[in-house]
Every structure is written in C-alpha cells, then in structure tokens.
Amino acid sequence: MNSIFRILVRLVDGLWVFDDLKFGVQEQPFVFGSDLILEKMVAGGDEELDR
C-alpha cells in the first residue's frame, strides 16, 4: 500500500518546526541539515516569483 504523508512546516523563533498530533509531536525542530534545506527551498521560492 502506498502512502503519502504531509506535514505543515513553520518558522518559530528562528527554528523550522512541525507538528504531528497523531503521534503527540508538537513544535518538533528539524535537525541535521534539514533546516538548511528548508532555508534554501524558501529562498529559491522568491526567485521563482520574480520570473
């Protein structure tokens, strides 16, 4: 069975965090470089809007 999971990501006090209420996770920070990937994705989005 294939599954797709979606998480809502937000910036809180300078940290990228997510919630997963199904597992009782709230404001879990992204670690080990995944926060840097999010920063690059957001920065790249601004470039797309300029096109």
PDB file of N, CA and C in Angstrom:
ATOM      1  N   MET A   1       0.849  -1.178   0.000  1.00  0.00           N
ATOM      2  CA  MET A   1       0.000   0.000   0.000  1.00  0.00           C
ATOM      3  C   MET A   1       0.893   1.240   0.000  1.00  0.00           C
ATOM      4  N   ASN A   2       0.615   2.155  -0.875  1.00  0.00           N
ATOM      5  CA  ASN A   2       1.376   3.401  -0.939  1.00  0.00           C
ATOM      6  C   ASN A   2       0.753   4.440  -0.024  1.00  0.00           C
ATOM      7  N   SER A   3       1.591   5.237   0.585  1.00  0.00           N
ATOM      8  CA  SER A   3       1.114   6.300   1.469  1.00  0.00           C
ATOM      9  C   SER A   3       1.894   7.569   1.204  1.00  0.00           C
ATOM     10  N   ILE A   4       1.209   8.674   1.355  1.00  0.00           N
ATOM     11  CA  ILE A   4       1.860   9.980   1.268  1.00  0.00           C
ATOM     12  C   ILE A   4       1.549  10.716   2.562  1.00  0.00           C
ATOM     13  N   PHE A   5       2.585  11.227   3.181  1.00  0.00           N
ATOM     14  CA  PHE A   5       2.409  11.989   4.406  1.00  0.00           C
ATOM     15  C   PHE A   5       2.686  13.449   4.115  1.00  0.00           C
ATOM     16  N   ARG A   6       1.901  14.308   4.705  1.00  0.00           N
ATOM     17  CA  ARG A   6       2.099  15.741   4.537  1.00  0.00           C
ATOM     18  C   ARG A   6       2.268  16.348   5.923  1.00  0.00           C
ATOM     19  N   ILE A   7       3.257  17.202   6.046  1.00  0.00           N
ATOM     20  CA  ILE A   7       3.453  17.923   7.298  1.00  0.00           C
ATOM     21  C   ILE A   7       3.421  19.411   6.992  1.00  0.00           C
ATOM     22  N   LEU A   8       2.956  20.161   7.926  1.00  0.00           N
ATOM     23  CA  LEU A   8       2.940  21.610   7.805  1.00  0.00           C
ATOM     24  C   LEU A   8       4.133  22.153   8.570  1.00  0.00           C
ATOM     25  N   VAL A   9       4.959  22.866   7.866  1.00  0.00           N
ATOM     26  CA  VAL A   9       6.212  23.381   8.416  1.00  0.00           C
ATOM     27  C   VAL A   9       6.058  24.864   8.684  1.00  0.00           C
ATOM     28  N   ARG A  10       6.634  25.323   9.784  1.00  0.00           N
ATOM     29  CA  ARG A  10       6.590  26.758  10.089  1.00  0.00           C
ATOM     30  C   ARG A  10       7.865  27.166  10.816  1.00  0.00           C
ATOM     31  N   LEU A  11       8.090  28.449  10.814  1.00  0.00           N
ATOM     32  CA  LEU A  11       9.267  29.018  11.465  1.00  0.00           C
ATOM     33  C   LEU A  11       8.842  29.599  12.813  1.00  0.00           C
ATOM     34  N   VAL A  12       9.435  29.108  13.898  1.00  0.00           N
ATOM     35  CA  VAL A  12       9.122  29.576  15.250  1.00  0.00           C
ATOM     36  C   VAL A  12      10.425  29.969  15.931  1.00  0.00           C
ATOM     37  N   ASP A  13      10.540  31.223  16.288  1.00  0.00           N
ATOM     38  CA  ASP A  13      11.740  31.730  16.974  1.00  0.00           C
ATOM     39  C   ASP A  13      13.031  31.351  16.242  1.00  0.00           C
ATOM     40  N   GLY A  14      12.997  31.428  14.913  1.00  0.00           N
ATOM     41  CA  GLY A  14      14.187  31.141  14.123  1.00  0.00           C
ATOM     42  C   GLY A  14      14.447  29.668  13.855  1.00  0.00           C
ATOM     43  N   LEU A  15      13.560  28.775  14.322  1.00  0.00           N
ATOM     44  CA  LEU A  15      13.706  27.331  14.096  1.00  0.00           C
ATOM     45  C   LEU A  15      12.574  26.826  13.211  1.00  0.00           C
ATOM     46  N   TRP A  16      12.898  25.963  12.242  1.00  0.00           N
ATOM     47  CA  TRP A  16      11.880  25.300  11.441  1.00  0.00           C
ATOM     48  C   TRP A  16      11.332  24.139  12.259  1.00  0.00           C
ATOM     49  N   VAL A  17      10.011  24.104  12.457  1.00  0.00           N
ATOM     50  CA  VAL A  17       9.375  23.078  13.283  1.00  0.00           C
ATOM     51  C   VAL A  17       8.164  22.488  12.562  1.00  0.00           C
ATOM     52  N   PHE A  18       7.701  21.341  13.073  1.00  0.00           N
ATOM     53  CA  PHE A  18       6.479  20.724  12.566  1.00  0.00           C
ATOM     54  C   PHE A  18       5.731  20.063  13.715  1.00  0.00           C
ATOM     55  N   ASP A  19       4.432  19.809  13.491  1.00  0.00           N
ATOM     56  CA  ASP A  19       3.584  19.108  14.452  1.00  0.00           C
ATOM     57  C   ASP A  19       3.082  17.817  13.814  1.00  0.00           C
ATOM     58  N   ASP A  20       2.905  16.796  14.601  1.00  0.00           N
ATOM     59  CA  ASP A  20       2.231  15.570  14.182  1.00  0.00           C
ATOM     60  C   ASP A  20       1.374  15.130  15.358  1.00  0.00           C
ATOM     61  N   LEU A  21       0.145  15.625  15.373  1.00  0.00           N
ATOM     62  CA  LEU A  21      -0.738  15.378  16.512  1.00  0.00           C
ATOM     63  C   LEU A  21      -1.081  13.900  16.671  1.00  0.00           C
ATOM     64  N   LYS A  22      -1.032  13.146  15.571  1.00  0.00           N
ATOM     65  CA  LYS A  22      -1.308  11.708  15.637  1.00  0.00           C
ATOM     66  C   LYS A  22      -0.336  11.007  16.580  1.00  0.00           C
ATOM     67  N   PHE A  23       0.902  11.485  16.618  1.00  0.00           N
ATOM     68  CA  PHE A  23       1.933  10.887  17.465  1.00  0.00           C
ATOM     69  C   PHE A  23       2.289  11.755  18.670  1.00  0.00           C
ATOM     70  N   GLY A  24       1.527  12.812  18.909  1.00  0.00           N
ATOM     71  CA  GLY A  24       1.773  13.670  20.058  1.00  0.00           C
ATOM     72  C   GLY A  24       3.007  14.551  19.930  1.00  0.00           C
ATOM     73  N   VAL A  25       3.416  14.835  18.699  1.00  0.00           N
ATOM     74  CA  VAL A  25       4.599  15.668  18.455  1.00  0.00           C
ATOM     75  C   VAL A  25       4.142  17.099  18.208  1.00  0.00           C
ATOM     76  N   GLN A  26       4.731  18.025  18.952  1.00  0.00           N
ATOM     77  CA  GLN A  26       4.372  19.434  18.793  1.00  0.00           C
ATOM     78  C   GLN A  26       5.639  20.280  18.763  1.00  0.00           C
ATOM     79  N   GLU A  27       5.732  21.134  17.740  1.00  0.00           N
ATOM     80  CA  GLU A  27       6.879  22.024  17.542  1.00  0.00           C
ATOM     81  C   GLU A  27       8.208  21.271  17.579  1.00  0.00           C
ATOM     82  N   GLN A  28       8.256  20.149  16.865  1.00  0.00           N
ATOM     83  CA  GLN A  28       9.487  19.363  16.751  1.00  0.00           C
ATOM     84  C   GLN A  28      10.420  20.058  15.771  1.00  0.00           C
ATOM     85  N   PRO A  29      11.630  20.403  16.184  1.00  0.00           N
ATOM     86  CA  PRO A  29      12.542  21.091  15.259  1.00  0.00           C
ATOM     87  C   PRO A  29      13.163  20.130  14.245  1.00  0.00           C
ATOM     88  N   PHE A  30      13.471  20.661  13.075  1.00  0.00           N
ATOM     89  CA  PHE A  30      14.227  19.925  12.065  1.00  0.00           C
ATOM     90  C   PHE A  30      15.703  20.008  12.430  1.00  0.00           C
ATOM     91  N   VAL A  31      16.430  18.902  12.251  1.00  0.00           N
ATOM     92  CA  VAL A  31      17.843  18.845  12.642  1.00  0.00           C
ATOM     93  C   VAL A  31      18.696  18.220  11.544  1.00  0.00           C
ATOM     94  N   PHE A  32      20.010  18.182  11.777  1.00  0.00           N
ATOM     95  CA  PHE A  32      20.989  17.525  10.907  1.00  0.00           C
ATOM     96  C   PHE A  32      20.953  18.044   9.474  1.00  0.00           C
ATOM     97  N   GLY A  33      20.811  19.357   9.328  1.00  0.00           N
ATOM     98  CA  GLY A  33      20.880  19.955   7.999  1.00  0.00           C
ATOM     99  C   GLY A  33      19.558  20.103   7.283  1.00  0.00           C
ATOM    100  N   SER A  34      18.514  19.447   7.768  1.00  0.00           N
ATOM    101  CA  SER A  34      17.227  19.587   7.089  1.00  0.00           C
ATOM    102  C   SER A  34      16.706  21.017   7.206  1.00  0.00           C
ATOM    103  N   ASP A  35      17.079  21.717   8.274  1.00  0.00           N
ATOM    104  CA  ASP A  35      16.690  23.122   8.398  1.00  0.00           C
ATOM    105  C   ASP A  35      17.369  23.970   7.321  1.00  0.00           C
ATOM    106  N   LEU A  36      18.592  23.617   6.954  1.00  0.00           N
ATOM    107  CA  LEU A  36      19.293  24.342   5.891  1.00  0.00           C
ATOM    108  C   LEU A  36      18.635  24.100   4.536  1.00  0.00           C
ATOM    109  N   ILE A  37      18.162  22.892   4.317  1.00  0.00           N
ATOM    110  CA  ILE A  37      17.449  22.576   3.075  1.00  0.00           C
ATOM    111  C   ILE A  37      16.179  23.412   2.984  1.00  0.00           C
ATOM    112  N   LEU A  38      15.454  23.521   4.086  1.00  0.00           N
ATOM    113  CA  LEU A  38      14.239  24.342   4.091  1.00  0.00           C
ATOM    114  C   LEU A  38      14.559  25.799   3.789  1.00  0.00           C
ATOM    115  N   GLU A  39      15.634  26.317   4.368  1.00  0.00           N
ATOM    116  CA  GLU A  39      16.041  27.700   4.100  1.00  0.00           C
ATOM    117  C   GLU A  39      16.308  27.905   2.614  1.00  0.00           C
ATOM    118  N   LYS A  40      17.003  26.960   1.984  1.00  0.00           N
ATOM    119  CA  LYS A  40      17.308  27.067   0.553  1.00  0.00           C
ATOM    120  C   LYS A  40      16.040  26.970  -0.287  1.00  0.00           C
ATOM    121  N   MET A  41      15.106  26.123   0.114  1.00  0.00           N
ATOM    122  CA  MET A  41      13.850  25.997  -0.619  1.00  0.00           C
ATOM    123  C   MET A  41      13.052  27.290  -0.563  1.00  0.00           C
ATOM    124  N   VAL A  42      12.996  27.896   0.606  1.00  0.00           N
ATOM    125  CA  VAL A  42      12.259  29.151   0.760  1.00  0.00           C
ATOM    126  C   VAL A  42      12.934  30.253  -0.043  1.00  0.00           C
ATOM    127  N   ALA A  43      14.254  30.315  -0.002  1.00  0.00           N
ATOM    128  CA  ALA A  43      14.988  31.331  -0.756  1.00  0.00           C
ATOM    129  C   ALA A  43      14.775  31.128  -2.254  1.00  0.00           C
ATOM    130  N   GLY A  44      14.742  29.886  -2.708  1.00  0.00           N
ATOM    131  CA  GLY A  44      14.521  29.591  -4.116  1.00  0.00           C
ATOM    132  C   GLY A  44      13.125  29.958  -4.574  1.00  0.00           C
ATOM    133  N   GLY A  45      12.167  29.916  -3.665  1.00  0.00           N
ATOM    134  CA  GLY A  45      10.793  30.289  -3.991  1.00  0.00           C
ATOM    135  C   GLY A  45      10.670  31.755  -4.348  1.00  0.00           C
ATOM    136  N   ASP A  46      11.453  32.598  -3.704  1.00  0.00           N
ATOM    137  CA  ASP A  46      11.432  34.027  -4.009  1.00  0.00           C
ATOM    138  C   ASP A  46      11.908  34.280  -5.430  1.00  0.00           C
ATOM    139  N   GLU A  47      12.896  33.513  -5.880  1.00  0.00           N
ATOM    140  CA  GLU A  47      13.413  33.665  -7.242  1.00  0.00           C
ATOM    141  C   GLU A  47      12.350  33.291  -8.266  1.00  0.00           C
ATOM    142  N   GLU A  48      11.559  32.275  -7.976  1.00  0.00           N
ATOM    143  CA  GLU A  48      10.509  31.850  -8.900  1.00  0.00           C
ATOM    144  C   GLU A  48       9.433  32.917  -9.034  1.00  0.00           C
ATOM    145  N   LEU A  49       9.133  33.620  -7.958  1.00  0.00           N
ATOM    146  CA  LEU A  49       8.116  34.668  -8.006  1.00  0.00           C
ATOM    147  C   LEU A  49       8.554  35.833  -8.877  1.00  0.00           C
ATOM    148  N   ASP A  50       9.854  36.048  -8.999  1.00  0.00           N
ATOM    149  CA  ASP A  50      10.375  37.158  -9.796  1.00  0.00           C
ATOM    150  C   ASP A  50      10.301  36.886 -11.295  1.00  0.00           C
ATOM    151  N   ARG A  51      10.106  35.647 -11.702  1.00  0.00           N
ATOM    152  CA  ARG A  51      10.098  35.297 -13.138  1.00  0.00           C
ATOM    153  C   ARG A  51       8.856  35.766 -13.828  1.00  0.00           C
TER     154      ARG A  51
END
